[in-house]
Protein backbone atom coordinates (compact mmCIF):
# COMPACT_ATOMS: atom_id res chain seq x y z
CA MET A 1 3.81 -5.66 23.11
CA LEU A 2 0.88 -4.22 25.07
CA ALA A 3 2.22 -0.70 24.56
CA VAL A 4 2.38 -1.32 20.80
CA LEU A 5 -1.18 -2.70 20.71
CA LEU A 6 -2.41 0.40 22.53
CA VAL A 7 -1.07 2.50 19.63
CA THR A 8 -2.16 0.22 16.76
CA PHE A 9 -5.63 -0.63 18.14
CA PRO A 10 -7.34 2.68 17.21
CA PHE A 11 -6.08 2.43 13.62
CA PHE A 12 -7.46 -1.08 13.09
CA ALA A 13 -10.62 -0.18 15.07
CA LEU A 14 -11.36 2.58 12.52
CA VAL A 15 -10.98 0.04 9.71
CA LEU A 16 -13.47 -2.21 11.52
CA CYS A 17 -15.86 0.74 11.94
CA GLY A 18 -15.83 1.34 8.19
CA TYR A 19 -16.41 -2.36 7.51
CA VAL A 20 -19.36 -2.52 9.93
CA ALA A 21 -20.87 0.72 8.61
CA ALA A 22 -20.82 -0.61 5.04
CA ARG A 23 -22.03 -4.07 6.07
CA ARG A 24 -25.01 -2.66 8.00
CA ARG A 25 -25.72 -0.18 5.16
CA MET A 26 -25.19 2.77 7.48
CA LEU A 27 -22.89 3.83 4.64
CA PRO A 28 -24.50 3.08 1.25
CA LEU A 29 -22.25 1.12 -1.08
CA ASP A 30 -22.69 3.79 -3.76
CA ALA A 31 -21.23 6.38 -1.38
CA ILE A 32 -17.96 4.49 -0.86
CA SER A 33 -16.48 5.61 -4.16
CA GLY A 34 -17.11 9.25 -3.18
CA LEU A 35 -15.45 8.70 0.18
CA ASN A 36 -12.52 7.04 -1.55
CA SER A 37 -12.23 9.98 -3.97
CA PHE A 38 -12.15 12.47 -1.10
CA VAL A 39 -9.25 10.59 0.51
CA LEU A 40 -7.35 9.95 -2.73
CA TYR A 41 -7.71 13.37 -4.36
CA PHE A 42 -7.95 15.76 -1.41
CA ALA A 43 -7.04 14.58 2.09
CA LEU A 44 -4.22 12.12 1.43
CA PRO A 45 -2.27 14.35 -1.04
CA CYS A 46 -2.39 17.15 1.54
CA MET A 47 -1.08 14.82 4.25
CA LEU A 48 1.72 13.57 1.99
CA TYR A 49 2.57 17.13 0.94
CA ARG A 50 2.81 18.23 4.56
CA PHE A 51 5.04 15.30 5.52
CA GLY A 52 7.14 15.75 2.39
CA ALA A 53 7.60 19.47 3.00
CA SER A 54 8.75 18.83 6.57
CA THR A 55 11.12 15.98 5.63
CA PRO A 56 14.75 16.63 4.66
CA ILE A 57 15.11 16.11 0.92
CA ALA A 58 17.97 13.63 1.48
CA GLN A 59 15.50 11.19 3.07
CA LEU A 60 13.24 11.38 0.01
CA LEU A 61 16.22 10.68 -2.29
CA ASP A 62 17.84 7.88 -0.27
CA ALA A 63 19.54 5.67 -2.88
CA ALA A 64 20.51 3.09 -0.24
CA ALA A 65 16.86 2.66 0.76
CA VAL A 66 15.86 2.26 -2.89
CA ALA A 67 18.62 -0.33 -3.39
CA VAL A 68 17.14 -2.45 -0.59
CA TYR A 69 13.38 -1.96 -0.86
CA LEU A 70 12.87 -2.11 -4.63
CA PRO A 71 14.69 -5.43 -5.32
CA CYS A 72 12.72 -7.02 -2.47
CA ALA A 73 9.43 -5.86 -3.99
CA LEU A 74 10.43 -7.17 -7.42
CA LEU A 75 11.52 -10.50 -5.93
CA VAL A 76 8.16 -10.85 -4.18
CA VAL A 77 6.36 -10.13 -7.47
CA TRP A 78 8.46 -12.73 -9.32
CA ALA A 79 8.03 -15.39 -6.62
CA VAL A 80 4.25 -14.98 -6.27
CA VAL A 81 3.71 -15.01 -10.03
CA ALA A 82 5.93 -18.08 -10.35
CA PHE A 83 4.14 -20.20 -7.75
CA SER A 84 0.64 -18.89 -8.61
CA LEU A 85 0.55 -19.70 -12.33
CA ASN A 86 -1.42 -22.90 -12.98
CA ALA A 87 -4.40 -24.15 -14.94
CA ARG A 88 -6.81 -22.01 -12.87
CA ILE A 89 -4.70 -18.91 -12.28
CA ARG A 90 -3.32 -17.30 -15.40
CA TRP A 91 -1.26 -14.12 -15.85
CA ASN A 92 -4.04 -11.66 -14.99
CA ASP A 93 -4.90 -13.23 -11.63
CA ALA A 94 -1.27 -14.13 -10.84
CA ALA A 95 -0.11 -10.55 -11.47
CA PHE A 96 -2.72 -9.00 -9.20
CA GLY A 97 -2.00 -11.63 -6.56
CA ALA A 98 1.64 -10.55 -6.78
CA LEU A 99 0.60 -6.91 -6.45
CA VAL A 100 -1.31 -7.49 -3.20
CA ALA A 101 1.70 -9.45 -1.91
CA ALA A 102 4.21 -6.67 -2.70
CA PHE A 103 2.17 -3.46 -2.34
CA PRO A 104 1.52 -2.51 1.33
CA ASN A 105 -1.24 -0.15 2.40
CA THR A 106 1.32 2.58 3.08
CA GLY A 107 -0.64 5.61 1.91
CA PHE A 108 -3.99 5.01 3.59
CA MET A 109 -2.66 3.31 6.74
CA GLY A 110 1.13 3.10 6.94
CA VAL A 111 2.26 6.73 7.04
CA PRO A 112 -0.01 7.89 9.90
CA LEU A 113 0.49 4.61 11.79
CA LEU A 114 4.29 4.68 11.53
CA VAL A 115 4.44 8.35 12.47
CA ALA A 116 2.34 7.58 15.56
CA LEU A 117 4.65 4.70 16.48
CA LEU A 118 8.09 6.04 15.52
CA GLY A 119 7.73 9.80 15.22
CA ALA A 120 7.71 12.23 12.30
CA ALA A 121 11.08 10.95 11.03
CA ALA A 122 9.35 7.77 9.83
CA ALA A 123 7.45 9.72 7.17
CA GLY A 124 10.44 10.14 4.83
CA PRO A 125 11.31 6.45 4.27
CA ALA A 126 7.61 5.51 4.17
CA ILE A 127 6.85 8.12 1.50
CA LEU A 128 9.82 6.87 -0.54
CA THR A 129 8.35 3.34 -0.55
CA ILE A 130 5.01 4.76 -1.75
CA LEU A 131 6.75 6.29 -4.76
CA LEU A 132 8.52 3.02 -5.58
CA ASP A 133 5.34 0.96 -5.28
CA LEU A 134 3.25 3.38 -7.32
CA VAL A 135 5.78 3.95 -10.09
CA VAL A 136 7.48 0.54 -10.40
CA THR A 137 5.66 -2.28 -8.62
CA SER A 138 2.10 -1.47 -9.69
CA SER A 139 3.12 -0.60 -13.27
CA LEU A 140 5.03 -3.88 -13.61
CA CYS A 141 2.15 -5.98 -12.26
CA ILE A 142 -0.41 -4.29 -14.51
CA ALA A 143 1.85 -4.95 -17.51
CA LEU A 144 2.25 -8.61 -16.47
CA SER A 145 -1.52 -8.95 -16.10
CA ARG A 146 -1.92 -8.28 -19.82
CA LEU A 147 0.22 -11.23 -20.92
CA ASP A 148 -3.00 -13.23 -21.25
CA GLY A 149 -4.06 -10.83 -24.02
CA ALA A 150 -4.65 -12.09 -27.48
CA ASP A 151 -2.33 -9.63 -29.19
CA GLU A 152 1.40 -9.45 -28.61
CA HIS A 153 1.29 -5.78 -27.71
CA GLY A 154 -0.99 -6.28 -24.68
CA ALA A 155 1.77 -5.91 -22.09
CA SER A 156 3.29 -2.78 -23.62
CA ARG A 157 -0.13 -1.16 -23.95
CA ALA A 158 -0.91 -2.03 -20.33
CA ALA A 159 2.42 -0.56 -19.24
CA ARG A 160 1.56 2.70 -21.01
CA ASN A 161 -1.87 2.72 -19.38
CA ALA A 162 -0.28 2.06 -15.99
CA LEU A 163 2.13 4.95 -16.46
CA ARG A 164 -0.73 7.19 -17.56
CA GLY A 165 -2.69 6.18 -14.47
CA MET A 166 0.33 6.87 -12.29
CA ALA A 167 0.68 10.31 -13.88
CA LEU A 168 -2.95 11.08 -13.00
CA ASN A 169 -2.54 9.80 -9.43
CA PRO A 170 -2.24 12.83 -7.13
CA MET A 171 -0.10 11.06 -4.51
CA PRO A 172 3.24 11.10 -6.41
CA TRP A 173 2.67 14.75 -7.35
CA ALA A 174 1.90 15.67 -3.75
CA ILE A 175 5.12 13.96 -2.64
CA LEU A 176 7.08 15.73 -5.41
CA LEU A 177 5.66 19.15 -4.46
CA GLY A 178 6.38 18.47 -0.81
CA GLY A 179 9.96 17.49 -1.65
CA LEU A 180 10.43 20.67 -3.70
CA SER A 181 9.02 22.76 -0.86
CA SER A 182 11.48 21.07 1.50
CA ALA A 183 14.44 21.56 -0.83
CA LEU A 184 13.63 25.19 -1.71
CA GLN A 185 12.26 26.13 1.73
CA ILE A 186 8.97 27.28 0.21
CA VAL A 187 6.03 27.75 2.57
CA PRO A 188 2.53 28.45 1.14
CA VAL A 189 0.71 31.55 2.36
CA LYS A 190 -1.10 31.07 5.66
CA PRO A 191 -4.71 30.59 4.36
CA VAL A 192 -3.52 27.96 1.85
CA MET A 193 -1.44 26.20 4.48
CA GLN A 194 -4.38 26.16 6.89
CA THR A 195 -6.58 24.59 4.21
CA ILE A 196 -3.89 21.97 3.54
CA ALA A 197 -3.64 21.32 7.28
CA LEU A 198 -7.41 20.79 7.64
CA LEU A 199 -7.49 18.29 4.79
CA ALA A 200 -4.31 16.59 6.04
CA ASP A 201 -5.79 16.16 9.51
CA ALA A 202 -8.84 14.47 7.97
CA ALA A 203 -6.74 12.02 5.93
CA SER A 204 -5.90 9.44 8.58
CA PRO A 205 -9.34 8.78 10.17
CA VAL A 206 -11.26 9.02 6.90
CA ALA A 207 -8.73 6.84 5.04
CA LEU A 208 -8.86 4.12 7.70
CA PHE A 209 -12.67 4.20 7.76
CA THR A 210 -12.66 4.02 3.95
CA ILE A 211 -10.37 0.97 3.98
CA GLY A 212 -12.98 -0.95 5.97
CA ALA A 213 -15.81 0.18 3.70
CA VAL A 214 -13.83 -0.73 0.55
CA LEU A 215 -13.01 -4.14 2.03
CA PHE A 216 -16.68 -4.92 2.59
CA ARG A 217 -17.67 -3.61 -0.84
CA SER A 218 -15.00 -5.74 -2.54
CA GLN A 219 -16.03 -8.81 -0.56
CA PHE A 220 -19.72 -8.19 -1.29
CA LEU A 221 -19.21 -7.76 -5.04
CA ALA A 222 -16.88 -10.76 -5.21
CA ALA A 223 -19.36 -13.01 -3.33
CA ARG A 224 -22.13 -11.95 -5.71
CA GLU A 225 -20.08 -12.92 -8.77
CA GLU A 226 -18.22 -15.95 -7.40
CA HIS A 227 -19.41 -19.24 -8.90
CA ALA A 228 -17.20 -21.74 -7.07
CA PRO A 229 -15.49 -21.70 -3.66
CA LEU A 230 -11.87 -20.59 -3.63
CA ALA A 231 -9.27 -23.21 -2.77
CA TRP A 232 -7.17 -22.17 0.24
CA ARG A 233 -3.96 -22.71 -1.75
CA ASP A 234 -5.04 -19.93 -4.11
CA PHE A 235 -4.95 -17.21 -1.45
CA LEU A 236 -3.45 -18.29 1.90
CA PRO A 237 0.16 -18.55 0.58
CA VAL A 238 -0.11 -14.97 -0.72
CA VAL A 239 -1.32 -13.81 2.71
CA ALA A 240 1.73 -15.47 4.29
CA VAL A 241 4.06 -13.85 1.75
CA LYS A 242 2.62 -10.39 2.44
CA LEU A 243 2.67 -10.52 6.24
CA LEU A 244 5.72 -12.71 6.89
CA VAL A 245 7.99 -13.26 3.87
CA HIS A 246 8.01 -9.68 2.59
CA PRO A 247 9.13 -8.02 5.88
CA LEU A 248 11.63 -10.81 6.60
CA LEU A 249 13.07 -10.38 3.10
CA VAL A 250 13.47 -6.61 3.54
CA PHE A 251 15.06 -7.17 6.95
CA GLY A 252 17.50 -9.79 5.63
CA VAL A 253 18.49 -7.85 2.51
CA GLY A 254 18.86 -4.66 4.54
CA TRP A 255 21.15 -6.20 7.14
CA ALA A 256 23.21 -7.92 4.45
CA ALA A 257 23.53 -4.63 2.57
CA MET A 258 24.69 -2.81 5.71
CA ALA A 259 27.18 -5.60 6.42
CA PHE A 260 28.64 -5.03 2.93
CA GLY A 261 29.00 -1.33 3.60
CA LEU A 262 25.83 0.16 2.09
CA PRO A 263 25.16 3.49 3.89
CA LEU A 264 21.69 2.50 5.07
CA ASP A 265 20.48 3.98 8.33
CA ARG A 266 19.12 1.44 10.83
CA PHE A 267 16.08 3.59 11.52
CA THR A 268 15.31 3.69 7.79
CA LEU A 269 15.59 -0.09 7.63
CA THR A 270 13.19 -0.39 10.58
CA VAL A 271 10.65 1.79 8.81
CA MET A 272 10.95 -0.20 5.55
CA VAL A 273 10.55 -3.53 7.38
CA LEU A 274 7.41 -2.24 9.08
CA VAL A 275 6.10 -0.91 5.77
CA ALA A 276 6.56 -4.39 4.30
CA ALA A 277 4.71 -5.85 7.31
CA LEU A 278 1.61 -3.73 6.60
CA PRO A 279 -1.50 -5.39 5.10
CA SER A 280 -2.12 -5.30 1.37
CA ALA A 281 -3.19 -2.04 -0.27
CA SER A 282 -6.98 -1.94 -0.37
CA ASN A 283 -7.11 -0.08 -3.70
CA VAL A 284 -5.68 -3.13 -5.50
CA SER A 285 -9.20 -4.61 -5.39
CA LEU A 286 -10.41 -1.64 -7.47
CA LEU A 287 -7.60 -2.21 -9.98
CA ALA A 288 -8.38 -5.93 -10.14
CA GLU A 289 -12.03 -5.14 -10.81
CA ARG A 290 -11.08 -2.68 -13.56
CA PHE A 291 -8.77 -5.18 -15.30
CA GLY A 292 -11.09 -8.19 -14.99
CA ALA A 293 -9.06 -10.21 -12.47
CA ASP A 294 -10.56 -12.55 -9.87
CA THR A 295 -11.84 -9.95 -7.42
CA GLY A 296 -12.99 -12.66 -5.00
CA ARG A 297 -9.43 -13.91 -4.57
CA ILE A 298 -7.93 -10.42 -4.30
CA ALA A 299 -10.59 -9.20 -1.85
CA ARG A 300 -10.06 -12.25 0.37
CA ILE A 301 -6.29 -11.71 0.45
CA ILE A 302 -6.71 -8.03 1.36
CA LEU A 303 -9.31 -8.81 4.02
CA LEU A 304 -7.21 -11.55 5.63
CA THR A 305 -4.00 -9.51 5.61
CA THR A 306 -5.82 -6.55 7.16
CA ALA A 307 -7.40 -8.66 9.91
CA ALA A 308 -4.25 -10.64 10.69
CA ALA A 309 -1.98 -7.59 10.56
CA PHE A 310 -3.41 -6.35 13.85
CA LEU A 311 -1.30 -9.09 15.49
CA THR A 312 1.48 -9.66 12.94
CA PHE A 313 2.24 -5.96 12.40
CA SER A 314 2.11 -5.26 16.12
CA GLY A 315 4.48 -8.19 16.66
CA ALA A 316 6.85 -6.82 14.02
CA VAL A 317 6.87 -3.43 15.75
CA ALA A 318 7.62 -5.05 19.09
CA LEU A 319 10.49 -7.08 17.59
CA MET A 320 12.00 -4.18 15.64
CA HIS A 321 11.82 -1.90 18.66
């Protein structure tokens, strides 16, 4: 366990540095969106492209992994929406609560962390889960969030908007280009590859620092707008689902699938379980803000999962190893 903590500590320490920098105004709140844009549109796509290009295409098209991971994500979404809906929490807030329960912080944190822990082979399964969460899980939850709308076409319009947003997200395209480079054995010319490498090397530290800054910004904005204290039952169960239920579900479904003959590699299952054990994706707070959900609730869930994951994720690594 100590050996695992020695690897995970620097990653969570960088998140804390970003949080402290934003809290003490060493990083102005207005600058956080620019930092986030650098990671999302430049550094992270280059990192994902580089991992995708160096990963065998079969790992990026692993149907067995899809057959295990995707149903688990959909089951988490259904369960969280089902137990969240009440007089206070309607479809919009329930859907975004389900999204933070099912969508791990794989892009900003998971890929570099898992590669540091398990080696470069962990990138393939982790990148596959990013595609599934971006294309399916997030689109579904955004569509569900519109069921509170006054007109009957709210959900379908939201689904179209979600797909449009996914199409404009550079991460899936970076993964696709990396996969094509891997399949066709295409290598960019040296100056281009060196530029990609520089941006890719910046992705991990800047992304982790940005997570902390975004967490503080979300918490700050939510506290400014919050009119009544949140009841613990509105957010703590979702935290437990994200950090405990989700990885246990992926582990159980994966082992059952292998017992029934599904050609799922044990290493791939380990990576997917650890992906599910990651804290909630920090960019969900930005989506919740954009769609008018309860940002206070979402920010608190993300903050608690990120803080607690230092121990729960490290424990999951120790158990899976």
